C-alpha atoms as a PDB file:
ATOM      1  CA  MET A   1      -8.570   9.781 -14.877  1.00  0.00           C
ATOM      2  CA  ALA A   2      -5.109   9.976 -16.145  1.00  0.00           C
ATOM      3  CA  ARG A   3      -3.158   7.124 -13.908  1.00  0.00           C
ATOM      4  CA  VAL A   4      -3.842   5.283 -10.938  1.00  0.00           C
ATOM      5  CA  THR A   5      -1.307   4.062  -8.040  1.00  0.00           C
ATOM      6  CA  THR A   6      -1.588   1.575  -5.340  1.00  0.00           C
ATOM      7  CA  GLY A   7      -0.050   1.545  -1.980  1.00  0.00           C
ATOM      8  CA  GLY A   8      -0.030  -0.971   1.295  1.00  0.00           C
ATOM      9  CA  ARG A   9      -3.840  -0.375   1.729  1.00  0.00           C
ATOM     10  CA  TYR A  10      -4.603   2.509  -0.215  1.00  0.00           C
ATOM     11  CA  ALA A  11      -4.681   3.658  -3.779  1.00  0.00           C
ATOM     12  CA  CYS A  12      -4.446   7.186  -5.381  1.00  0.00           C
ATOM     13  CA  ALA A  13      -5.453   8.580  -8.780  1.00  0.00           C
ATOM     14  CA  LEU A  14      -4.756  11.478 -10.569  1.00  0.00           C
ATOM     15  CA  HIS A  15      -7.176  13.039 -12.827  1.00  0.00           C
ATOM     16  CA  THR A  16      -7.272  14.470 -16.279  1.00  0.00           C
ATOM     17  CA  ASP A  17      -7.484  18.262 -14.838  1.00  0.00           C
ATOM     18  CA  ALA A  18      -3.902  17.364 -12.932  1.00  0.00           C
ATOM     19  CA  THR A  19      -5.866  16.695  -8.950  1.00  0.00           C
ATOM     20  CA  VAL A  20      -5.290  14.037  -7.454  1.00  0.00           C
ATOM     21  CA  SER A  21      -7.888  11.662  -4.775  1.00  0.00           C
ATOM     22  CA  CYS A  22      -6.975   8.659  -2.350  1.00  0.00           C
ATOM     23  CA  TRP A  23      -8.791   6.518  -0.697  1.00  0.00           C
ATOM     24  CA  GLY A  24      -8.644   3.208   1.794  1.00  0.00           C
ATOM     25  CA  GLN A  25      -6.844   2.941   4.774  1.00  0.00           C
ATOM     26  CA  GLY A  26      -6.254   6.421   6.554  1.00  0.00           C
ATOM     27  CA  ALA A  27      -3.843   5.192   9.375  1.00  0.00           C
ATOM     28  CA  TRP A  28      -1.183   5.953   7.475  1.00  0.00           C
ATOM     29  CA  ARG A  29      -1.909   9.697   6.750  1.00  0.00           C
ATOM     30  CA  VAL A  30      -2.356   9.305   3.125  1.00  0.00           C
ATOM     31  CA  VAL A  31      -6.070   9.236   3.380  1.00  0.00           C
ATOM     32  CA  PRO A  32      -7.177  11.756   6.445  1.00  0.00           C
ATOM     33  CA  SER A  33      -8.214   9.364   9.320  1.00  0.00           C
ATOM     34  CA  GLY A  34     -11.892   9.295   9.558  1.00  0.00           C
ATOM     35  CA  THR A  35     -12.926   9.940   6.329  1.00  0.00           C
ATOM     36  CA  GLY A  36     -15.144   6.587   5.702  1.00  0.00           C
ATOM     37  CA  PRO A  37     -16.797   5.304   3.983  1.00  0.00           C
ATOM     38  CA  TRP A  38     -13.907   4.914   2.190  1.00  0.00           C
ATOM     39  CA  LEU A  39     -14.572   6.616  -0.743  1.00  0.00           C
ATOM     40  CA  PRO A  40     -11.903   8.886  -2.794  1.00  0.00           C
ATOM     41  CA  VAL A  41     -11.106  12.074  -1.075  1.00  0.00           C
ATOM     42  CA  ASP A  42      -9.383  14.993  -2.699  1.00  0.00           C
ATOM     43  CA  VAL A  43      -5.670  15.892  -1.348  1.00  0.00           C
ATOM     44  CA  VAL A  44      -5.193  19.394  -0.927  1.00  0.00           C
ATOM     45  CA  GLY A  45      -2.363  21.547  -1.274  1.00  0.00           C
ATOM     46  CA  LEU A  46      -0.954  19.778  -4.743  1.00  0.00           C
ATOM     47  CA  GLY A  47      -0.716  21.982  -8.089  1.00  0.00           C
ATOM     48  CA  HIS A  48      -0.629  20.998 -11.487  1.00  0.00           C
ATOM     49  CA  VAL A  49       0.583  17.122 -10.721  1.00  0.00           C
ATOM     50  CA  VAL A  50       2.428  15.447 -13.726  1.00  0.00           C
ATOM     51  CA  SER A  51       3.082  12.224 -12.196  1.00  0.00           C
ATOM     52  CA  MET A  52       3.152  10.640  -9.027  1.00  0.00           C
ATOM     53  CA  SER A  53       3.831   7.356  -7.221  1.00  0.00           C
ATOM     54  CA  SER A  54       2.659   5.458  -4.371  1.00  0.00           C
ATOM     55  CA  GLY A  55       4.814   3.530  -1.849  1.00  0.00           C
ATOM     56  CA  TYR A  56       3.756   1.346   1.220  1.00  0.00           C
ATOM     57  CA  ALA A  57       2.695   4.208   3.309  1.00  0.00           C
ATOM     58  CA  HIS A  58       3.541   7.426   1.232  1.00  0.00           C
ATOM     59  CA  VAL A  59       2.704   9.020  -2.363  1.00  0.00           C
ATOM     60  CA  CYS A  60       5.035  11.647  -4.123  1.00  0.00           C
ATOM     61  CA  ALA A  61       3.756  13.823  -6.817  1.00  0.00           C
ATOM     62  CA  VAL A  62       6.003  15.884  -9.506  1.00  0.00           C
ATOM     63  CA  ASP A  63       4.003  19.360 -10.640  1.00  0.00           C
ATOM     64  CA  GLN A  64       4.361  20.882 -13.864  1.00  0.00           C
ATOM     65  CA  GLU A  65       7.550  23.198 -12.232  1.00  0.00           C
ATOM     66  CA  GLY A  66       9.448  20.529 -11.371  1.00  0.00           C
ATOM     67  CA  SER A  67       8.783  20.201  -7.602  1.00  0.00           C
ATOM     68  CA  VAL A  68       8.223  17.313  -5.499  1.00  0.00           C
ATOM     69  CA  TRP A  69       4.875  16.719  -2.862  1.00  0.00           C
ATOM     70  CA  CYS A  70       5.093  14.031  -0.606  1.00  0.00           C
ATOM     71  CA  TRP A  71       2.394  12.524   2.375  1.00  0.00           C
ATOM     72  CA  GLY A  72       1.743   9.953   4.386  1.00  0.00           C
ATOM     73  CA  ASP A  73       3.152   8.382   7.347  1.00  0.00           C
ATOM     74  CA  THR A  74       6.909   6.471   7.059  1.00  0.00           C
ATOM     75  CA  GLY A  75       8.792   8.425  10.279  1.00  0.00           C
ATOM     76  CA  VAL A  76      12.392   8.001   8.512  1.00  0.00           C
ATOM     77  CA  GLY A  77      12.292  10.902   5.986  1.00  0.00           C
ATOM     78  CA  ALA A  78      10.808   9.403   3.199  1.00  0.00           C
ATOM     79  CA  LEU A  79       8.594  12.892   2.546  1.00  0.00           C
ATOM     80  CA  GLY A  80      12.217  14.352   1.975  1.00  0.00           C
ATOM     81  CA  ASN A  81      10.667  17.590   3.871  1.00  0.00           C
ATOM     82  CA  GLY A  82      13.736  17.850   6.473  1.00  0.00           C
ATOM     83  CA  SER A  83      11.447  15.765   8.626  1.00  0.00           C
ATOM     84  CA  LEU A  84      10.799  12.705  10.571  1.00  0.00           C
ATOM     85  CA  GLY A  85       7.115  13.292  10.841  1.00  0.00           C
ATOM     86  CA  SER A  86       4.161  12.449   9.107  1.00  0.00           C
ATOM     87  CA  SER A  87       1.647  14.473   7.356  1.00  0.00           C
ATOM     88  CA  VAL A  88      -1.605  14.259   5.740  1.00  0.00           C
ATOM     89  CA  ASN A  89      -1.290  17.385   3.677  1.00  0.00           C
ATOM     90  CA  PRO A  90       1.396  17.506   0.950  1.00  0.00           C
ATOM     91  CA  VAL A  91       5.280  18.718   1.967  1.00  0.00           C
ATOM     92  CA  GLN A  92       7.559  20.193  -0.526  1.00  0.00           C
ATOM     93  CA  ALA A  93      10.896  17.971  -0.747  1.00  0.00           C
ATOM     94  CA  VAL A  94      13.941  20.468  -0.060  1.00  0.00           C
ATOM     95  CA  GLY A  95      15.057  21.568  -3.178  1.00  0.00           C
ATOM     96  CA  ILE A  96      13.765  19.517  -5.751  1.00  0.00           C
ATOM     97  CA  ASP A  97      12.561  22.640  -8.313  1.00  0.00           C
ATOM     98  CA  ASP A  98      13.743  20.261 -11.945  1.00  0.00           C
ATOM     99  CA  ALA A  99      11.875  16.797 -10.947  1.00  0.00           C
ATOM    100  CA  VAL A 100      10.778  14.681 -14.418  1.00  0.00           C
ATOM    101  CA  ALA A 101       9.718  11.599 -12.346  1.00  0.00           C
ATOM    102  CA  VAL A 102       9.373  10.017  -9.019  1.00  0.00           C
ATOM    103  CA  SER A 103       9.731   7.019  -7.349  1.00  0.00           C
ATOM    104  CA  ALA A 104       7.946   5.968  -3.985  1.00  0.00           C
ATOM    105  CA  GLY A 105       9.419   2.708  -2.037  1.00  0.00           C
ATOM    106  CA  TRP A 106       8.508   0.714   0.853  1.00  0.00           C
ATOM    107  CA  SER A 107      10.116   3.758   2.867  1.00  0.00           C
ATOM    108  CA  HIS A 108      12.359   5.817   1.049  1.00  0.00           C
ATOM    109  CA  THR A 109      11.575   8.064  -2.144  1.00  0.00           C
ATOM    110  CA  CYS A 110      13.926   8.492  -5.468  1.00  0.00           C
ATOM    111  CA  ALA A 111      13.515  11.333  -7.927  1.00  0.00           C
ATOM    112  CA  VAL A 112      15.027  11.889 -11.487  1.00  0.00           C
ATOM    113  CA  MET A 113      15.917  15.713 -12.596  1.00  0.00           C
ATOM    114  CA  ASN A 114      16.047  17.189 -15.654  1.00  0.00           C
ATOM    115  CA  ASN A 115      19.737  17.155 -15.720  1.00  0.00           C
ATOM    116  CA  GLY A 116      19.237  13.214 -15.476  1.00  0.00           C
ATOM    117  CA  THR A 117      20.900  13.094 -12.097  1.00  0.00           C
ATOM    118  CA  VAL A 118      19.004  11.115  -9.295  1.00  0.00           C
ATOM    119  CA  TRP A 119      18.101  12.610  -5.770  1.00  0.00           C
ATOM    120  CA  CYS A 120      16.863   9.912  -2.678  1.00  0.00           C
ATOM    121  CA  TRP A 121      15.860  10.455   0.947  1.00  0.00           C
ATOM    122  CA  GLY A 122      14.386   8.422   3.644  1.00  0.00           C
ATOM    123  CA  SER A 123      15.846   5.261   4.914  1.00  0.00           C
ATOM    124  CA  ASN A 124      19.249   3.904   4.036  1.00  0.00           C
ATOM    125  CA  PHE A 125      19.663   1.202   6.575  1.00  0.00           C
ATOM    126  CA  GLY A 126      20.652  -0.698   3.275  1.00  0.00           C
ATOM    127  CA  GLY A 127      22.119   1.593   0.905  1.00  0.00           C
ATOM    128  CA  GLU A 128      19.068   2.322  -0.730  1.00  0.00           C
ATOM    129  CA  LEU A 129      20.090   6.309  -1.153  1.00  0.00           C
ATOM    130  CA  GLY A 130      22.963   5.933  -2.973  1.00  0.00           C
ATOM    131  CA  ASP A 131      25.111   8.265  -1.562  1.00  0.00           C
ATOM    132  CA  GLY A 132      27.883   5.699   0.066  1.00  0.00           C
ATOM    133  CA  THR A 133      26.518   5.807   3.374  1.00  0.00           C
ATOM    134  CA  SER A 134      23.951   4.097   5.239  1.00  0.00           C
ATOM    135  CA  THR A 135      22.605   7.020   6.769  1.00  0.00           C
ATOM    136  CA  SER A 136      19.384   7.665   6.538  1.00  0.00           C
ATOM    137  CA  ARG A 137      18.123  11.285   5.543  1.00  0.00           C
ATOM    138  CA  SER A 138      15.249  13.365   5.579  1.00  0.00           C
ATOM    139  CA  SER A 139      16.112  15.795   2.847  1.00  0.00           C
ATOM    140  CA  PRO A 140      17.090  15.056  -0.527  1.00  0.00           C
ATOM    141  CA  VAL A 141      20.666  13.746  -1.429  1.00  0.00           C
ATOM    142  CA  GLN A 142      22.445  12.642  -4.466  1.00  0.00           C
ATOM    143  CA  VAL A 143      22.661   9.136  -5.369  1.00  0.00           C
ATOM    144  CA  VAL A 144      26.646   9.300  -6.634  1.00  0.00           C
ATOM    145  CA  GLY A 145      28.030   8.858 -10.012  1.00  0.00           C
ATOM    146  CA  ILE A 146      24.730   8.881 -12.214  1.00  0.00           C
ATOM    147  CA  ALA A 147      24.252  11.902 -14.484  1.00  0.00           C
ATOM    148  CA  ASP A 148      21.888  10.500 -17.454  1.00  0.00           C
ATOM    149  CA  ALA A 149      19.317   8.488 -16.020  1.00  0.00           C
ATOM    150  CA  VAL A 150      15.603   8.445 -17.487  1.00  0.00           C
ATOM    151  CA  SER A 151      13.816   7.235 -14.948  1.00  0.00           C
ATOM    152  CA  VAL A 152      14.037   5.163 -11.462  1.00  0.00           C
ATOM    153  CA  GLY A 153      12.712   2.723  -9.623  1.00  0.00           C
ATOM    154  CA  THR A 154      12.261   1.658  -5.850  1.00  0.00           C
ATOM    155  CA  GLY A 155      11.623  -1.129  -3.685  1.00  0.00           C
ATOM    156  CA  ASP A 156      12.172  -2.103  -0.046  1.00  0.00           C
ATOM    157  CA  GLY A 157      15.786  -1.550   0.648  1.00  0.00           C
ATOM    158  CA  HIS A 158      17.015  -1.302  -3.167  1.00  0.00           C
ATOM    159  CA  SER A 159      16.979   1.161  -5.842  1.00  0.00           C
ATOM    160  CA  CYS A 160      17.479   1.241  -9.678  1.00  0.00           C
ATOM    161  CA  ALA A 161      17.791   3.496 -12.309  1.00  0.00           C
ATOM    162  CA  LEU A 162      17.192   3.247 -16.231  1.00  0.00           C
ATOM    163  CA  HIS A 163      19.809   5.443 -18.097  1.00  0.00           C
ATOM    164  CA  ARG A 164      19.796   6.805 -21.539  1.00  0.00           C
ATOM    165  CA  ASP A 165      21.615   4.074 -23.295  1.00  0.00           C
ATOM    166  CA  GLY A 166      19.785   1.410 -22.094  1.00  0.00           C
ATOM    167  CA  THR A 167      22.076   0.117 -18.946  1.00  0.00           C
ATOM    168  CA  VAL A 168      20.263  -0.436 -15.219  1.00  0.00           C
ATOM    169  CA  SER A 169      22.080   0.831 -12.373  1.00  0.00           C
ATOM    170  CA  CYS A 170      21.368  -0.681  -8.694  1.00  0.00           C
ATOM    171  CA  TRP A 171      22.333   0.299  -5.166  1.00  0.00           C
ATOM    172  CA  GLY A 172      21.464  -0.709  -1.764  1.00  0.00           C
ATOM    173  CA  ALA A 173      20.305  -4.535   0.027  1.00  0.00           C
ATOM    174  CA  ASN A 174      21.452  -7.305  -2.315  1.00  0.00           C
ATOM    175  CA  ASP A 175      20.455 -10.672   0.002  1.00  0.00           C
ATOM    176  CA  TRP A 176      18.090 -11.702  -2.759  1.00  0.00           C
ATOM    177  CA  GLY A 177      20.148 -11.175  -5.801  1.00  0.00           C
ATOM    178  CA  GLU A 178      18.295  -7.532  -6.588  1.00  0.00           C
ATOM    179  CA  LEU A 179      21.226  -5.708  -7.809  1.00  0.00           C
ATOM    180  CA  GLY A 180      21.552  -7.905 -10.845  1.00  0.00           C
ATOM    181  CA  ASP A 181      25.512  -7.809 -10.156  1.00  0.00           C
ATOM    182  CA  TYR A 182      25.660 -11.930  -9.868  1.00  0.00           C
ATOM    183  CA  THR A 183      26.687 -11.062  -5.986  1.00  0.00           C
ATOM    184  CA  THR A 184      24.650 -10.801  -3.159  1.00  0.00           C
ATOM    185  CA  THR A 185      26.691  -8.037  -1.627  1.00  0.00           C
ATOM    186  CA  THR A 186      25.163  -4.813  -0.298  1.00  0.00           C
ATOM    187  CA  ARG A 187      26.262  -1.589  -2.186  1.00  0.00           C
ATOM    188  CA  LEU A 188      26.258   1.955  -0.905  1.00  0.00           C
ATOM    189  CA  LEU A 189      27.396   2.621  -4.502  1.00  0.00           C
ATOM    190  CA  PRO A 190      25.349   1.788  -8.103  1.00  0.00           C
ATOM    191  CA  THR A 191      26.458  -0.903  -9.449  1.00  0.00           C
ATOM    192  CA  THR A 192      26.054  -2.293 -13.167  1.00  0.00           C
ATOM    193  CA  ALA A 193      23.220  -4.939 -13.922  1.00  0.00           C
ATOM    194  CA  LEU A 194      25.179  -7.168 -15.684  1.00  0.00           C
ATOM    195  CA  GLY A 195      23.827  -8.090 -18.810  1.00  0.00           C
ATOM    196  CA  VAL A 196      21.379  -5.156 -19.394  1.00  0.00           C
ATOM    197  CA  THR A 197      21.804  -3.036 -22.996  1.00  0.00           C
ATOM    198  CA  GLY A 198      18.788  -1.556 -24.752  1.00  0.00           C
ATOM    199  CA  ALA A 199      16.178  -1.364 -22.220  1.00  0.00           C
ATOM    200  CA  VAL A 200      13.358   0.774 -22.712  1.00  0.00           C
ATOM    201  CA  GLY A 201      11.346  -0.150 -19.247  1.00  0.00           C
ATOM    202  CA  LEU A 202      12.275  -0.410 -15.488  1.00  0.00           C
ATOM    203  CA  THR A 203       9.959  -1.831 -12.729  1.00  0.00           C
ATOM    204  CA  VAL A 204      11.538  -2.581  -8.770  1.00  0.00           C
ATOM    205  CA  GLY A 205       9.507  -4.824  -6.345  1.00  0.00           C
ATOM    206  CA  ASN A 206      10.304  -4.728  -2.981  1.00  0.00           C
ATOM    207  CA  HIS A 207      13.064  -7.525  -3.597  1.00  0.00           C
ATOM    208  CA  HIS A 208      13.487  -7.774  -7.367  1.00  0.00           C
ATOM    209  CA  THR A 209      14.116  -5.773 -10.368  1.00  0.00           C
ATOM    210  CA  CYS A 210      12.658  -6.180 -14.200  1.00  0.00           C
ATOM    211  CA  VAL A 211      13.325  -4.463 -17.519  1.00  0.00           C
ATOM    212  CA  LEU A 212      11.479  -4.227 -20.878  1.00  0.00           C
ATOM    213  CA  TYR A 213      13.369  -4.382 -23.878  1.00  0.00           C
ATOM    214  CA  PRO A 214      12.168  -2.923 -27.167  1.00  0.00           C
ATOM    215  CA  ASP A 215      10.986  -6.187 -28.912  1.00  0.00           C
ATOM    216  CA  GLY A 216       8.810  -6.869 -25.976  1.00  0.00           C
ATOM    217  CA  THR A 217      11.021  -9.284 -24.077  1.00  0.00           C
ATOM    218  CA  ILE A 218      11.674  -9.263 -20.507  1.00  0.00           C
ATOM    219  CA  SER A 219      14.080  -9.912 -18.041  1.00  0.00           C
ATOM    220  CA  CYS A 220      13.921 -10.111 -14.207  1.00  0.00           C
ATOM    221  CA  TRP A 221      16.498 -10.929 -11.134  1.00  0.00           C
ATOM    222  CA  GLY A 222      16.229 -11.345  -7.490  1.00  0.00           C
ATOM    223  CA  THR A 223      13.612 -12.852  -5.760  1.00  0.00           C
ATOM    224  CA  ILE A 224      11.397 -12.825  -8.327  1.00  0.00           C
ATOM    225  CA  ASN A 225      13.000 -15.802 -10.108  1.00  0.00           C
ATOM    226  CA  ARG A 226      15.466 -16.498  -7.382  1.00  0.00           C
ATOM    227  CA  SER A 227      18.383 -15.160  -9.724  1.00  0.00           C
ATOM    228  CA  TYR A 228      21.665 -13.424  -8.649  1.00  0.00           C
ATOM    229  CA  PHE A 229      21.746 -11.578 -12.381  1.00  0.00           C
ATOM    230  CA  PRO A 230      19.340 -10.707 -15.109  1.00  0.00           C
ATOM    231  CA  GLN A 231      17.065 -13.724 -16.838  1.00  0.00           C
ATOM    232  CA  ALA A 232      14.770 -13.649 -19.919  1.00  0.00           C
ATOM    233  CA  LEU A 233      11.747 -14.052 -18.837  1.00  0.00           C
ATOM    234  CA  PRO A 234       9.692 -17.238 -20.524  1.00  0.00           C
ATOM    235  CA  LEU A 235       6.425 -16.941 -22.355  1.00  0.00           C
ATOM    236  CA  ILE A 236       6.415 -13.083 -23.033  1.00  0.00           C
ATOM    237  CA  ASP A 237       8.036 -11.293 -26.388  1.00  0.00           C
ATOM    238  CA  ASP A 238       5.200  -8.769 -26.818  1.00  0.00           C
ATOM    239  CA  ALA A 239       5.026  -6.924 -23.656  1.00  0.00           C
ATOM    240  CA  VAL A 240       4.644  -3.078 -23.855  1.00  0.00           C
ATOM    241  CA  ALA A 241       4.720  -2.085 -20.489  1.00  0.00           C
ATOM    242  CA  ILE A 242       5.667  -3.374 -16.987  1.00  0.00           C
ATOM    243  CA  ASP A 243       5.185  -2.542 -13.177  1.00  0.00           C
ATOM    244  CA  SER A 244       5.692  -4.334 -10.109  1.00  0.00           C
ATOM    245  CA  GLY A 245       3.956  -4.911  -6.695  1.00  0.00           C
ATOM    246  CA  GLY A 246       6.154  -6.030  -3.702  1.00  0.00           C
ATOM    247  CA  GLY A 247       6.557  -9.853  -4.557  1.00  0.00           C
ATOM    248  CA  HIS A 248       5.134  -9.931  -8.203  1.00  0.00           C
ATOM    249  CA  SER A 249       5.360  -8.388 -11.373  1.00  0.00           C
ATOM    250  CA  CYS A 250       2.769  -7.585 -14.286  1.00  0.00           C
ATOM    251  CA  ALA A 251       2.901  -7.224 -18.111  1.00  0.00           C
ATOM    252  CA  LEU A 252       0.552  -5.756 -20.466  1.00  0.00           C
ATOM    253  CA  ARG A 253       0.564  -7.458 -23.752  1.00  0.00           C
ATOM    254  CA  GLU A 254       0.300  -6.226 -27.651  1.00  0.00           C
ATOM    255  CA  ASP A 255      -3.264  -7.586 -27.499  1.00  0.00           C
ATOM    256  CA  LEU A 256      -4.170  -6.027 -24.435  1.00  0.00           C
ATOM    257  CA  SER A 257      -4.055  -9.102 -22.438  1.00  0.00           C
ATOM    258  CA  VAL A 258      -2.351  -8.873 -18.820  1.00  0.00           C
ATOM    259  CA  TRP A 259      -0.075 -11.511 -17.548  1.00  0.00           C
ATOM    260  CA  CYS A 260       1.091 -11.625 -14.003  1.00  0.00           C
ATOM    261  CA  TRP A 261       4.241 -13.825 -12.013  1.00  0.00           C
ATOM    262  CA  GLY A 262       6.128 -13.885  -8.786  1.00  0.00           C
ATOM    263  CA  SER A 263       4.267 -14.290  -5.131  1.00  0.00           C
ATOM    264  CA  ASN A 264       0.294 -14.824  -4.777  1.00  0.00           C
ATOM    265  CA  THR A 265      -0.468 -15.385  -1.723  1.00  0.00           C
ATOM    266  CA  TYR A 266      -3.379 -13.037  -1.890  1.00  0.00           C
ATOM    267  CA  GLY A 267      -4.250 -13.790  -5.201  1.00  0.00           C
ATOM    268  CA  GLN A 268      -2.668 -11.211  -6.722  1.00  0.00           C
ATOM    269  CA  LEU A 269      -1.805 -13.048  -9.874  1.00  0.00           C
ATOM    270  CA  GLY A 270      -5.276 -12.956 -11.234  1.00  0.00           C
ATOM    271  CA  ASP A 271      -5.444 -16.531 -12.273  1.00  0.00           C
ATOM    272  CA  GLY A 272      -7.804 -18.047  -9.846  1.00  0.00           C
ATOM    273  CA  THR A 273      -4.997 -19.237  -7.614  1.00  0.00           C
ATOM    274  CA  THR A 274      -2.758 -18.286  -4.406  1.00  0.00           C
ATOM    275  CA  THR A 275      -0.199 -20.584  -6.223  1.00  0.00           C
ATOM    276  CA  ILE A 276       3.360 -18.987  -6.381  1.00  0.00           C
ATOM    277  CA  ARG A 277       4.229 -18.427 -10.355  1.00  0.00           C
ATOM    278  CA  SER A 278       7.948 -18.609 -11.748  1.00  0.00           C
ATOM    279  CA  THR A 279       6.090 -18.098 -15.179  1.00  0.00           C
ATOM    280  CA  PRO A 280       3.714 -15.453 -16.195  1.00  0.00           C
ATOM    281  CA  VAL A 281       0.405 -16.793 -16.591  1.00  0.00           C
ATOM    282  CA  PRO A 282      -2.478 -14.661 -17.711  1.00  0.00           C
ATOM    283  CA  VAL A 283      -4.901 -12.699 -15.739  1.00  0.00           C
ATOM    284  CA  VAL A 284      -8.411 -14.040 -16.100  1.00  0.00           C
ATOM    285  CA  GLY A 285     -10.885 -12.236 -17.735  1.00  0.00           C
ATOM    286  CA  LEU A 286      -8.763  -9.513 -19.546  1.00  0.00           C
ATOM    287  CA  GLY A 287      -7.652  -8.999 -22.827  1.00  0.00           C
END
């Protein structure tokens, strides 16, 4: 198995033979309805998949040709095929043929092209598509002003891109400071996350954003630490990878332990409690 991604009530695996299988809640058409007893089901109609990302109710994958294929049920165009409908089978995002990465958010999707541009589609009520409007799109539109992105992350109502020089731009809803520009002002166009330089990793949750630096330190902003601008995360200085869920984030450390912080209503921090944590705690039994 090459990679596992998780969504609202389902999970998908990218296998070493470049195929994909999914399992879990089938009502969103990520997994065919009625395919119990909740075991992995092969996703048909995909070519050689090189990466994928799971949103709340949809999944998108990049194949070796650079095309993006999405499936699931969003109702706002997050599949990118020009339709608002759902699909249990992968459908191709219109006009995307040189993607290198994709990120599926709550109800929108963004992809990074080989030339460093970013294209997004789906819900745009908070400006999360970055095209200068708040009009939802069922086909990809280009994010204005970005031509050197290396990765992209999508949350509930905002998106962020990591630039080649290690800076970060964000756009969309900003009620919780998730754009990192010292304000709570919604931005229909990308704005710079202030103070972020030299980042090598980016992860986006529903209403927060975190970045990883080469020295293993992490900065976050938004609901995760109640901050309108990037702040250093305490206790961790040897992270090698980071990832976010809806309201929490986790880091893999050099000793292979995993530490998490943020929302913990369902025990998602893995520390044996349901206590919200503003500072990282180790996941019990790993490392």
